[in-house]
Amino acid sequence: MTQPTKRIIGLDPGLRLCGFGIIDVVENQFKWVDHGVIKIPTDLPIEQRLAYLFTNLQEVAQTFQPTEASLEKIFFNSNAQTSMLLGMARGVVALVPGLVNIPLFEYAPNLVKKSVVGVGHADKQQVQKMVSIILNLQKSITADSADALAVAICHAGHVNFRQACHTKAKHLECY
């Protein structure tokens, strides 16, 4: 029996660049759909930058109709101002799936890297390379797109694992 396709959008928020990556999951296979970067004009005031991010990300979500969204958990920067600005961008990014009732899942950065590369402290180039290999991409991708696709891949793997455990547990309860 064929499982229904899941379309996952992975998100890498930022106030200059916001990466997104979209994959389909069909019977435990990851299929690349699209990826890109929303380039936010840095000369705009903060409220307009956030509105620009929101509008463009909402367009991506409407175009590709994801069924689930994934995002890296926030890590704290030593610069409080930078952390606060990133938190604002992250809030906008989390709002988009929330407005259309798409469940949002969060993963620690080390778990995302470990899921894709095999080690939790991989560098950006390693993540880019492994994302390209996993999704059979022929062209190079930016770090922001790779990070977004990596969090989508991480989510897809963890959801499949949770479903397998849940199915197994139900099966065992029947006996």
Protein backbone atom coordinates (compact mmCIF):
# COMPACT_ATOMS: atom_id res chain seq x y z
CA MET A 1 0.00 0.00 0.00
CA THR A 2 1.41 3.39 -1.01
CA GLN A 3 1.71 5.93 1.75
CA PRO A 4 0.37 9.41 1.02
CA THR A 5 2.95 11.98 0.02
CA LYS A 6 4.11 14.42 2.67
CA ARG A 7 5.39 17.76 1.48
CA ILE A 8 7.75 19.32 3.98
CA ILE A 9 9.08 22.84 3.94
CA GLY A 10 12.29 23.40 5.84
CA LEU A 11 13.02 26.95 6.94
CA ASP A 12 16.24 28.77 7.78
CA PRO A 13 15.17 32.20 9.06
CA GLY A 14 17.17 35.39 8.87
CA LEU A 15 16.67 39.12 8.39
CA ARG A 16 18.96 39.35 5.36
CA LEU A 17 18.45 35.91 3.86
CA CYS A 18 15.78 33.34 4.63
CA GLY A 19 16.38 29.92 3.15
CA PHE A 20 13.60 27.54 2.29
CA GLY A 21 13.69 23.98 1.01
CA ILE A 22 10.81 21.79 -0.03
CA ILE A 23 10.86 18.00 -0.27
CA ASP A 24 8.26 15.33 -0.80
CA VAL A 25 8.40 12.10 1.16
CA VAL A 26 6.93 9.08 -0.61
CA GLU A 27 7.43 5.63 0.90
CA ASN A 28 10.56 6.68 2.82
CA GLN A 29 12.10 8.30 -0.25
CA PHE A 30 13.04 11.99 -0.21
CA LYS A 31 12.28 13.85 -3.43
CA TRP A 32 13.54 17.38 -4.01
CA VAL A 33 10.79 19.81 -5.03
CA ASP A 34 12.38 23.26 -4.80
CA HIS A 35 14.63 25.47 -2.73
CA GLY A 36 15.59 29.09 -2.62
CA VAL A 37 16.47 32.13 -0.61
CA ILE A 38 14.31 35.13 0.14
CA LYS A 39 16.63 38.13 -0.08
CA ILE A 40 15.35 40.82 2.24
CA PRO A 41 16.36 44.41 1.43
CA THR A 42 18.58 45.55 4.29
CA ASP A 43 17.89 49.25 3.72
CA LEU A 44 14.29 48.91 4.92
CA PRO A 45 13.23 49.59 8.51
CA ILE A 46 12.79 46.47 10.62
CA GLU A 47 8.99 46.38 10.41
CA GLN A 48 9.11 46.51 6.60
CA ARG A 49 11.80 43.84 6.48
CA LEU A 50 9.60 41.56 8.58
CA ALA A 51 6.59 42.33 6.37
CA TYR A 52 8.69 41.57 3.27
CA LEU A 53 9.77 38.25 4.78
CA PHE A 54 6.19 37.38 5.72
CA THR A 55 4.73 38.23 2.31
CA ASN A 56 7.39 36.34 0.36
CA LEU A 57 7.33 33.27 2.59
CA GLN A 58 3.55 33.21 2.45
CA GLU A 59 3.84 33.20 -1.37
CA VAL A 60 6.21 30.21 -1.21
CA ALA A 61 3.80 28.35 1.08
CA GLN A 62 0.83 29.10 -1.18
CA THR A 63 2.75 28.00 -4.27
CA PHE A 64 4.02 24.68 -2.89
CA GLN A 65 1.28 23.78 -0.37
CA PRO A 66 3.43 22.02 2.26
CA THR A 67 1.69 19.70 4.69
CA GLU A 68 4.34 20.10 7.43
CA ALA A 69 6.97 22.67 8.28
CA SER A 70 10.29 22.32 10.07
CA LEU A 71 12.67 24.80 11.64
CA GLU A 72 15.87 24.70 13.63
CA LYS A 73 15.52 25.54 17.29
CA ILE A 74 17.03 28.86 18.15
CA PHE A 75 20.55 29.07 19.46
CA PHE A 76 21.60 32.09 21.42
CA ASN A 77 24.20 34.44 20.09
CA SER A 78 26.50 36.31 22.43
CA ASN A 79 25.17 39.54 20.92
CA ALA A 80 21.76 40.25 22.48
CA GLN A 81 20.72 42.62 19.68
CA THR A 82 21.45 40.00 17.01
CA SER A 83 19.57 37.34 18.97
CA MET A 84 16.57 39.61 19.35
CA LEU A 85 16.47 40.46 15.64
CA LEU A 86 16.81 36.80 14.67
CA GLY A 87 14.02 35.97 17.11
CA MET A 88 11.77 38.48 15.36
CA ALA A 89 12.49 36.91 11.96
CA ARG A 90 11.97 33.46 13.41
CA GLY A 91 8.59 34.54 14.82
CA VAL A 92 7.47 35.70 11.39
CA VAL A 93 8.69 32.44 9.81
CA ALA A 94 6.79 30.39 12.43
CA LEU A 95 3.65 32.48 11.89
CA VAL A 96 3.27 31.55 8.21
CA PRO A 97 2.57 27.81 8.77
CA GLY A 98 0.50 28.66 11.83
CA LEU A 99 -1.91 30.82 9.85
CA VAL A 100 -2.79 27.93 7.53
CA ASN A 101 -2.75 25.19 10.18
CA ILE A 102 0.42 23.49 8.98
CA PRO A 103 2.13 21.77 11.93
CA LEU A 104 5.58 23.19 12.71
CA PHE A 105 8.32 20.96 14.11
CA GLU A 106 11.58 22.20 15.62
CA TYR A 107 14.94 20.45 15.82
CA ALA A 108 18.19 21.31 17.55
CA PRO A 109 20.93 22.41 15.11
CA ASN A 110 23.20 19.52 16.16
CA LEU A 111 20.41 16.99 15.53
CA VAL A 112 19.81 18.43 12.05
CA LYS A 113 23.52 18.14 11.20
CA LYS A 114 23.75 14.65 12.66
CA SER A 115 20.68 13.54 10.69
CA VAL A 116 22.16 14.75 7.41
CA VAL A 117 25.95 14.47 7.81
CA GLY A 118 26.30 11.92 10.60
CA VAL A 119 27.99 14.27 13.06
CA GLY A 120 26.44 17.06 15.10
CA HIS A 121 29.22 19.58 14.62
CA ALA A 122 29.45 19.47 10.82
CA ASP A 123 30.39 22.65 9.00
CA LYS A 124 28.25 24.38 6.37
CA GLN A 125 30.17 22.87 3.44
CA GLN A 126 29.60 19.35 4.77
CA VAL A 127 25.88 20.04 5.13
CA GLN A 128 25.71 21.44 1.58
CA LYS A 129 27.52 18.44 0.15
CA MET A 130 25.41 15.82 1.95
CA VAL A 131 22.12 17.58 1.14
CA SER A 132 23.15 17.55 -2.53
CA ILE A 133 23.98 13.84 -2.33
CA ILE A 134 20.81 12.84 -0.42
CA LEU A 135 18.54 14.74 -2.81
CA ASN A 136 20.60 13.98 -5.93
CA LEU A 137 20.98 17.68 -6.77
CA GLN A 138 23.03 18.43 -9.85
CA LYS A 139 23.67 22.12 -9.11
CA SER A 140 25.38 23.69 -6.12
CA ILE A 141 23.16 25.27 -3.50
CA THR A 142 23.65 28.15 -1.09
CA ALA A 143 24.28 27.56 2.59
CA ASP A 144 20.86 29.00 3.49
CA SER A 145 19.02 26.68 1.08
CA ALA A 146 21.11 23.72 2.23
CA ASP A 147 20.29 24.45 5.88
CA ALA A 148 16.58 24.66 5.05
CA LEU A 149 16.66 21.41 3.08
CA ALA A 150 18.67 19.77 5.89
CA VAL A 151 16.02 20.59 8.48
CA ALA A 152 13.33 19.22 6.12
CA ILE A 153 15.35 15.99 5.67
CA CYS A 154 15.85 15.76 9.45
CA HIS A 155 12.13 16.15 10.01
CA ALA A 156 11.24 13.59 7.34
CA GLY A 157 13.54 11.03 8.94
CA HIS A 158 12.23 11.64 12.43
CA VAL A 159 8.58 11.57 11.39
CA ASN A 160 9.10 8.25 9.59
CA PHE A 161 10.84 6.85 12.66
CA ARG A 162 8.04 8.02 14.98
CA GLN A 163 5.41 6.53 12.68
CA ALA A 164 7.26 3.22 12.50
CA CYS A 165 7.49 3.11 16.30
CA HIS A 166 3.83 4.04 16.63
CA THR A 167 2.79 1.36 14.12
CA LYS A 168 4.96 -1.22 15.86
CA ALA A 169 3.55 -0.27 19.25
CA LYS A 170 -0.01 -0.60 17.97
CA HIS A 171 0.84 -3.93 16.43
CA LEU A 172 2.25 -5.18 19.73
CA GLU A 173 -0.81 -4.00 21.64
CA CYS A 174 -2.97 -6.25 19.48
CA TYR A 175 -1.35 -9.41 20.89
